[in-house]
N, C-alpha and C. Protein backbone atom coordinates (compact mmCIF):
# COMPACT_ATOMS: atom_id res chain seq x y z
N MET A 1 35.33 24.28 27.91
CA MET A 1 35.34 23.46 26.73
C MET A 1 36.20 22.20 26.94
N ARG A 2 37.34 22.41 27.56
CA ARG A 2 38.25 21.30 27.80
C ARG A 2 37.61 20.27 28.74
N LYS A 3 36.87 20.74 29.75
CA LYS A 3 36.19 19.83 30.67
C LYS A 3 35.16 18.99 29.94
N ARG A 4 34.47 19.56 28.97
CA ARG A 4 33.46 18.82 28.20
C ARG A 4 34.11 17.72 27.38
N ILE A 5 35.25 18.02 26.79
CA ILE A 5 35.95 17.02 25.99
C ILE A 5 36.41 15.87 26.88
N ILE A 6 36.97 16.20 28.03
CA ILE A 6 37.41 15.17 28.97
C ILE A 6 36.22 14.35 29.45
N LEU A 7 35.12 15.01 29.76
CA LEU A 7 33.91 14.31 30.20
C LEU A 7 33.39 13.39 29.09
N PHE A 8 33.39 13.87 27.86
CA PHE A 8 32.94 13.05 26.73
C PHE A 8 33.82 11.81 26.57
N ILE A 9 35.12 11.98 26.64
CA ILE A 9 36.05 10.85 26.52
C ILE A 9 35.84 9.86 27.66
N TYR A 10 35.65 10.37 28.86
CA TYR A 10 35.42 9.52 30.03
C TYR A 10 34.14 8.70 29.86
N ILE A 11 33.07 9.34 29.42
CA ILE A 11 31.79 8.63 29.22
C ILE A 11 31.94 7.59 28.11
N ALA A 12 32.65 7.94 27.04
CA ALA A 12 32.86 6.99 25.95
C ALA A 12 33.63 5.77 26.42
N MET A 13 34.65 5.98 27.24
CA MET A 13 35.44 4.85 27.75
C MET A 13 34.61 3.96 28.65
N ILE A 14 33.81 4.54 29.51
CA ILE A 14 32.94 3.75 30.39
C ILE A 14 31.94 2.95 29.56
N SER A 15 31.41 3.56 28.52
CA SER A 15 30.46 2.86 27.65
C SER A 15 31.11 1.66 26.98
N LEU A 16 32.34 1.83 26.51
CA LEU A 16 33.04 0.72 25.87
C LEU A 16 33.29 -0.42 26.85
N VAL A 17 33.67 -0.10 28.06
CA VAL A 17 33.91 -1.14 29.07
C VAL A 17 32.60 -1.84 29.41
N ALA A 18 31.52 -1.09 29.53
CA ALA A 18 30.23 -1.68 29.87
C ALA A 18 29.69 -2.56 28.76
N CYS A 19 30.02 -2.25 27.52
CA CYS A 19 29.51 -3.01 26.38
C CYS A 19 30.33 -4.27 26.10
N ARG A 20 31.44 -4.44 26.75
CA ARG A 20 32.30 -5.59 26.52
C ARG A 20 31.55 -6.87 26.86
N GLN A 21 31.58 -7.83 25.94
CA GLN A 21 30.93 -9.11 26.15
C GLN A 21 31.58 -9.83 27.32
N GLN A 22 30.79 -10.38 28.19
CA GLN A 22 31.34 -11.12 29.32
C GLN A 22 30.54 -12.41 29.49
N ASN A 23 31.18 -13.53 29.29
CA ASN A 23 30.56 -14.84 29.47
C ASN A 23 31.11 -15.44 30.75
N GLU A 24 30.26 -15.71 31.69
CA GLU A 24 30.69 -16.29 32.97
C GLU A 24 30.68 -17.82 32.86
N LEU A 25 31.64 -18.35 32.15
CA LEU A 25 31.68 -19.79 31.92
C LEU A 25 32.34 -20.58 33.04
N PHE A 26 33.28 -19.96 33.72
CA PHE A 26 34.10 -20.71 34.67
C PHE A 26 33.96 -20.24 36.11
N ASN A 27 33.10 -19.28 36.37
CA ASN A 27 32.81 -18.79 37.72
C ASN A 27 34.06 -18.49 38.53
N ASN A 28 35.05 -17.91 37.88
CA ASN A 28 36.32 -17.53 38.53
C ASN A 28 37.07 -18.71 39.14
N GLU A 29 36.76 -19.92 38.69
CA GLU A 29 37.47 -21.11 39.18
C GLU A 29 38.82 -21.21 38.46
N ASN A 30 39.81 -21.71 39.14
CA ASN A 30 41.12 -21.94 38.56
C ASN A 30 41.06 -23.25 37.76
N ILE A 31 41.29 -23.16 36.45
CA ILE A 31 41.27 -24.35 35.60
C ILE A 31 42.69 -24.89 35.50
N THR A 32 42.87 -26.14 35.88
CA THR A 32 44.21 -26.75 35.89
C THR A 32 44.44 -27.68 34.71
N SER A 33 43.36 -28.14 34.07
CA SER A 33 43.52 -29.03 32.92
C SER A 33 42.27 -29.00 32.04
N ILE A 34 42.48 -29.36 30.78
CA ILE A 34 41.37 -29.53 29.84
C ILE A 34 41.52 -30.92 29.24
N GLU A 35 40.55 -31.77 29.52
CA GLU A 35 40.54 -33.11 28.96
C GLU A 35 39.79 -33.05 27.63
N ILE A 36 40.40 -33.57 26.58
CA ILE A 36 39.79 -33.59 25.25
C ILE A 36 39.36 -35.01 24.96
N GLN A 37 38.04 -35.19 24.75
CA GLN A 37 37.48 -36.51 24.48
C GLN A 37 36.81 -36.52 23.12
N ASN A 38 36.79 -37.68 22.48
CA ASN A 38 36.02 -37.86 21.26
C ASN A 38 34.55 -37.70 21.62
N TRP A 39 33.82 -36.88 20.88
CA TRP A 39 32.42 -36.59 21.21
C TRP A 39 31.55 -37.84 21.14
N ASP A 40 31.82 -38.70 20.16
CA ASP A 40 30.95 -39.85 19.93
C ASP A 40 31.12 -40.98 20.94
N ASN A 41 32.36 -41.20 21.41
CA ASN A 41 32.56 -42.36 22.28
C ASN A 41 33.26 -42.05 23.61
N ASP A 42 33.43 -40.78 23.92
CA ASP A 42 34.06 -40.34 25.18
C ASP A 42 35.50 -40.82 25.36
N GLU A 43 36.13 -41.30 24.29
CA GLU A 43 37.51 -41.76 24.37
C GLU A 43 38.44 -40.57 24.59
N LEU A 44 39.34 -40.69 25.56
CA LEU A 44 40.30 -39.63 25.84
C LEU A 44 41.27 -39.49 24.67
N VAL A 45 41.39 -38.26 24.16
CA VAL A 45 42.27 -37.97 23.04
C VAL A 45 43.54 -37.29 23.53
N SER A 46 43.38 -36.34 24.44
CA SER A 46 44.52 -35.56 24.92
C SER A 46 44.13 -34.85 26.20
N THR A 47 45.12 -34.45 26.97
CA THR A 47 44.90 -33.62 28.15
C THR A 47 45.83 -32.42 28.07
N VAL A 48 45.24 -31.24 28.16
CA VAL A 48 46.01 -30.00 28.12
C VAL A 48 46.28 -29.55 29.55
N THR A 49 47.55 -29.35 29.88
CA THR A 49 47.92 -28.85 31.21
C THR A 49 48.77 -27.58 31.11
N ASP A 50 49.02 -27.11 29.89
CA ASP A 50 49.80 -25.90 29.67
C ASP A 50 49.04 -24.69 30.21
N GLU A 51 49.53 -24.13 31.31
CA GLU A 51 48.83 -23.05 32.01
C GLU A 51 48.60 -21.84 31.10
N ALA A 52 49.57 -21.49 30.27
CA ALA A 52 49.43 -20.33 29.38
C ALA A 52 48.34 -20.57 28.35
N LEU A 53 48.30 -21.76 27.75
CA LEU A 53 47.26 -22.09 26.78
C LEU A 53 45.88 -22.08 27.42
N ILE A 54 45.77 -22.67 28.59
CA ILE A 54 44.49 -22.72 29.30
C ILE A 54 44.01 -21.31 29.63
N ASN A 55 44.86 -20.49 30.21
CA ASN A 55 44.46 -19.13 30.59
C ASN A 55 44.09 -18.29 29.38
N ASP A 56 44.83 -18.44 28.28
CA ASP A 56 44.54 -17.70 27.05
C ASP A 56 43.17 -18.11 26.50
N LEU A 57 42.90 -19.41 26.46
CA LEU A 57 41.63 -19.90 25.96
C LEU A 57 40.47 -19.43 26.83
N ILE A 58 40.63 -19.50 28.14
CA ILE A 58 39.58 -19.05 29.05
C ILE A 58 39.29 -17.56 28.86
N GLU A 59 40.33 -16.77 28.74
CA GLU A 59 40.15 -15.33 28.54
C GLU A 59 39.40 -15.06 27.23
N GLU A 60 39.77 -15.77 26.17
CA GLU A 60 39.09 -15.59 24.89
C GLU A 60 37.63 -16.01 24.97
N LEU A 61 37.36 -17.15 25.59
CA LEU A 61 35.98 -17.63 25.69
C LEU A 61 35.11 -16.70 26.52
N GLU A 62 35.65 -16.19 27.62
CA GLU A 62 34.85 -15.35 28.50
C GLU A 62 34.60 -13.95 27.93
N SER A 63 35.40 -13.54 26.95
CA SER A 63 35.18 -12.22 26.35
C SER A 63 34.68 -12.31 24.91
N ALA A 64 34.37 -13.51 24.44
CA ALA A 64 33.97 -13.71 23.04
C ALA A 64 32.53 -13.30 22.79
N ASN A 65 32.28 -12.93 21.54
CA ASN A 65 30.90 -12.79 21.10
C ASN A 65 30.29 -14.18 21.08
N SER A 66 29.01 -14.25 21.35
CA SER A 66 28.34 -15.55 21.33
C SER A 66 26.96 -15.39 20.72
N SER A 67 26.41 -16.50 20.28
CA SER A 67 25.05 -16.47 19.76
C SER A 67 24.32 -17.73 20.21
N SER A 68 23.02 -17.61 20.28
CA SER A 68 22.19 -18.72 20.72
C SER A 68 22.06 -19.74 19.59
N THR A 69 22.09 -21.00 19.95
CA THR A 69 21.86 -22.06 18.97
C THR A 69 20.48 -22.68 19.17
N ALA A 70 19.68 -22.07 20.05
CA ALA A 70 18.32 -22.56 20.25
C ALA A 70 17.55 -22.40 18.94
N ASN A 71 16.69 -23.31 18.65
CA ASN A 71 15.82 -23.28 17.48
C ASN A 71 16.56 -23.44 16.16
N ILE A 72 17.81 -23.92 16.16
CA ILE A 72 18.47 -24.26 14.91
C ILE A 72 19.04 -25.67 15.03
N ASP A 73 19.08 -26.35 13.90
CA ASP A 73 19.60 -27.71 13.86
C ASP A 73 21.11 -27.63 13.65
N ILE A 74 21.87 -28.08 14.63
CA ILE A 74 23.33 -28.00 14.53
C ILE A 74 23.94 -29.39 14.63
N PRO A 75 25.07 -29.59 13.96
CA PRO A 75 25.74 -30.89 14.06
C PRO A 75 26.43 -31.03 15.42
N GLY A 76 26.57 -32.26 15.87
CA GLY A 76 27.29 -32.50 17.11
C GLY A 76 28.75 -32.09 16.96
N ALA A 77 29.36 -31.73 18.05
CA ALA A 77 30.77 -31.31 18.02
C ALA A 77 31.66 -32.52 17.73
N ASP A 78 32.89 -32.24 17.32
CA ASP A 78 33.86 -33.31 17.08
C ASP A 78 34.44 -33.83 18.40
N TYR A 79 34.65 -32.91 19.34
CA TYR A 79 35.28 -33.26 20.62
C TYR A 79 34.55 -32.63 21.79
N ARG A 80 34.68 -33.26 22.94
CA ARG A 80 34.17 -32.74 24.21
C ARG A 80 35.36 -32.25 25.01
N LEU A 81 35.26 -31.02 25.52
CA LEU A 81 36.31 -30.45 26.36
C LEU A 81 35.81 -30.39 27.79
N LEU A 82 36.54 -31.00 28.70
CA LEU A 82 36.19 -30.96 30.12
C LEU A 82 37.21 -30.07 30.82
N PHE A 83 36.76 -28.88 31.22
CA PHE A 83 37.62 -27.93 31.92
C PHE A 83 37.54 -28.26 33.41
N SER A 84 38.69 -28.59 34.01
CA SER A 84 38.69 -29.07 35.39
C SER A 84 39.59 -28.24 36.30
N ASN A 85 39.16 -28.17 37.54
CA ASN A 85 39.98 -27.64 38.63
C ASN A 85 40.38 -28.86 39.44
N ASP A 86 41.60 -29.31 39.26
CA ASP A 86 42.08 -30.58 39.81
C ASP A 86 41.16 -31.69 39.30
N ASP A 87 40.41 -32.37 40.16
CA ASP A 87 39.55 -33.47 39.71
C ASP A 87 38.10 -33.05 39.51
N LYS A 88 37.78 -31.80 39.75
CA LYS A 88 36.39 -31.32 39.64
C LYS A 88 36.15 -30.68 38.27
N VAL A 89 35.19 -31.23 37.50
CA VAL A 89 34.84 -30.66 36.20
C VAL A 89 34.03 -29.39 36.45
N VAL A 90 34.53 -28.28 35.90
CA VAL A 90 33.90 -26.97 36.09
C VAL A 90 32.99 -26.63 34.91
N GLN A 91 33.40 -27.01 33.70
CA GLN A 91 32.64 -26.67 32.49
C GLN A 91 32.89 -27.72 31.42
N GLU A 92 31.86 -27.97 30.63
CA GLU A 92 31.97 -28.87 29.48
C GLU A 92 31.57 -28.11 28.24
N LEU A 93 32.42 -28.11 27.23
CA LEU A 93 32.13 -27.46 25.95
C LEU A 93 32.40 -28.42 24.82
N GLY A 94 31.73 -28.21 23.70
CA GLY A 94 32.03 -28.94 22.49
C GLY A 94 33.05 -28.17 21.68
N TYR A 95 33.83 -28.90 20.87
CA TYR A 95 34.88 -28.28 20.04
C TYR A 95 34.79 -28.86 18.64
N TYR A 96 34.71 -27.98 17.65
CA TYR A 96 34.71 -28.36 16.24
C TYR A 96 36.11 -28.18 15.67
N ILE A 97 36.56 -29.14 14.87
CA ILE A 97 37.86 -29.02 14.20
C ILE A 97 37.83 -27.82 13.25
N GLU A 98 36.77 -27.70 12.48
CA GLU A 98 36.63 -26.60 11.53
C GLU A 98 35.72 -25.54 12.11
N GLU A 99 35.95 -24.30 11.72
CA GLU A 99 35.12 -23.19 12.17
C GLU A 99 33.69 -23.40 11.70
N LYS A 100 32.75 -23.06 12.56
CA LYS A 100 31.32 -23.13 12.23
C LYS A 100 30.72 -21.75 12.42
N ASN A 101 29.73 -21.42 11.59
CA ASN A 101 29.03 -20.16 11.72
C ASN A 101 27.57 -20.46 12.05
N PHE A 102 27.17 -20.12 13.26
CA PHE A 102 25.79 -20.28 13.70
C PHE A 102 25.26 -18.91 14.09
N ASN A 103 24.18 -18.50 13.46
CA ASN A 103 23.54 -17.21 13.77
C ASN A 103 24.52 -16.04 13.74
N GLY A 104 25.44 -16.05 12.77
CA GLY A 104 26.35 -14.92 12.60
C GLY A 104 27.60 -14.94 13.45
N THR A 105 27.78 -15.96 14.26
CA THR A 105 28.98 -16.07 15.09
C THR A 105 29.83 -17.22 14.56
N THR A 106 31.07 -16.91 14.21
CA THR A 106 31.99 -17.93 13.68
C THR A 106 32.97 -18.34 14.77
N GLY A 107 33.03 -19.63 15.04
CA GLY A 107 33.94 -20.13 16.06
C GLY A 107 33.97 -21.64 16.08
N GLN A 108 34.68 -22.19 17.05
CA GLN A 108 34.85 -23.63 17.16
C GLN A 108 34.33 -24.20 18.49
N PHE A 109 33.79 -23.36 19.36
CA PHE A 109 33.41 -23.80 20.70
C PHE A 109 31.91 -23.61 20.91
N ILE A 110 31.28 -24.62 21.53
CA ILE A 110 29.84 -24.56 21.75
C ILE A 110 29.50 -25.15 23.12
N ASP A 111 28.56 -24.51 23.78
CA ASP A 111 28.00 -25.03 25.02
C ASP A 111 26.66 -25.65 24.65
N MET A 112 26.64 -26.96 24.47
CA MET A 112 25.43 -27.64 24.03
C MET A 112 24.31 -27.52 25.06
N GLU A 113 24.67 -27.56 26.33
CA GLU A 113 23.66 -27.50 27.39
C GLU A 113 22.98 -26.14 27.43
N ALA A 114 23.76 -25.07 27.38
CA ALA A 114 23.20 -23.72 27.44
C ALA A 114 22.74 -23.23 26.08
N GLY A 115 23.20 -23.89 25.00
CA GLY A 115 22.81 -23.49 23.66
C GLY A 115 23.50 -22.22 23.19
N ASN A 116 24.79 -22.09 23.47
CA ASN A 116 25.56 -20.92 23.04
C ASN A 116 26.76 -21.35 22.22
N HIS A 117 26.98 -20.61 21.13
CA HIS A 117 28.14 -20.82 20.26
C HIS A 117 29.05 -19.62 20.44
N TYR A 118 30.35 -19.88 20.68
CA TYR A 118 31.30 -18.81 21.00
C TYR A 118 32.22 -18.51 19.82
N GLY A 119 32.39 -17.23 19.55
CA GLY A 119 33.21 -16.76 18.45
C GLY A 119 34.69 -16.82 18.75
N VAL A 120 35.20 -18.00 19.01
CA VAL A 120 36.62 -18.20 19.30
C VAL A 120 37.13 -19.29 18.37
N THR A 121 38.24 -19.01 17.71
CA THR A 121 38.89 -20.02 16.88
C THR A 121 40.29 -20.24 17.43
N LYS A 122 40.58 -21.47 17.79
CA LYS A 122 41.89 -21.79 18.37
C LYS A 122 42.17 -23.26 18.11
N GLU A 123 43.37 -23.53 17.63
CA GLU A 123 43.76 -24.91 17.39
C GLU A 123 44.17 -25.57 18.70
N LEU A 124 43.58 -26.72 18.96
CA LEU A 124 43.91 -27.49 20.16
C LEU A 124 44.60 -28.80 19.77
N PRO A 125 45.38 -29.38 20.66
CA PRO A 125 46.09 -30.64 20.35
C PRO A 125 45.13 -31.83 20.38
N VAL A 126 44.56 -32.15 19.22
CA VAL A 126 43.57 -33.22 19.16
C VAL A 126 43.99 -34.38 18.27
N THR A 127 45.27 -34.63 18.17
CA THR A 127 45.73 -35.77 17.39
C THR A 127 45.42 -37.05 18.15
N GLU A 128 44.54 -37.85 17.57
CA GLU A 128 44.11 -39.08 18.24
C GLU A 128 45.19 -40.15 18.14
N GLU A 129 45.40 -40.84 19.25
CA GLU A 129 46.36 -41.93 19.30
C GLU A 129 45.68 -43.20 18.82
N LYS A 130 46.34 -43.91 17.93
CA LYS A 130 45.76 -45.15 17.39
C LYS A 130 46.50 -46.35 17.92
């Protein structure tokens, strides 16, 4: 009986690990900076180099729930985020100041090219310099 309980717990744990959402956005590349640009005019707003913030955001994005934005009319993002490894851009995502809900997923990050909206909400330093 005890072996069955242990086996059941083991199978349940494996199932939970297997069901974990995994988004391969950065292909295991080391991200050293995130350039934040105004979506409409590509003007540089800020550059994030804080390693802890970058790693936390990447971890959240890669494990977030996501939904397809194909076949729905969505507004353009407020900002463009360029995730870079030194001078090489690894990924480009859109960022909304306010949370958006598309197809049941609430978040601020979108991959316009792939058509995916990520369920991550995180405040980024986007104070524009005038």
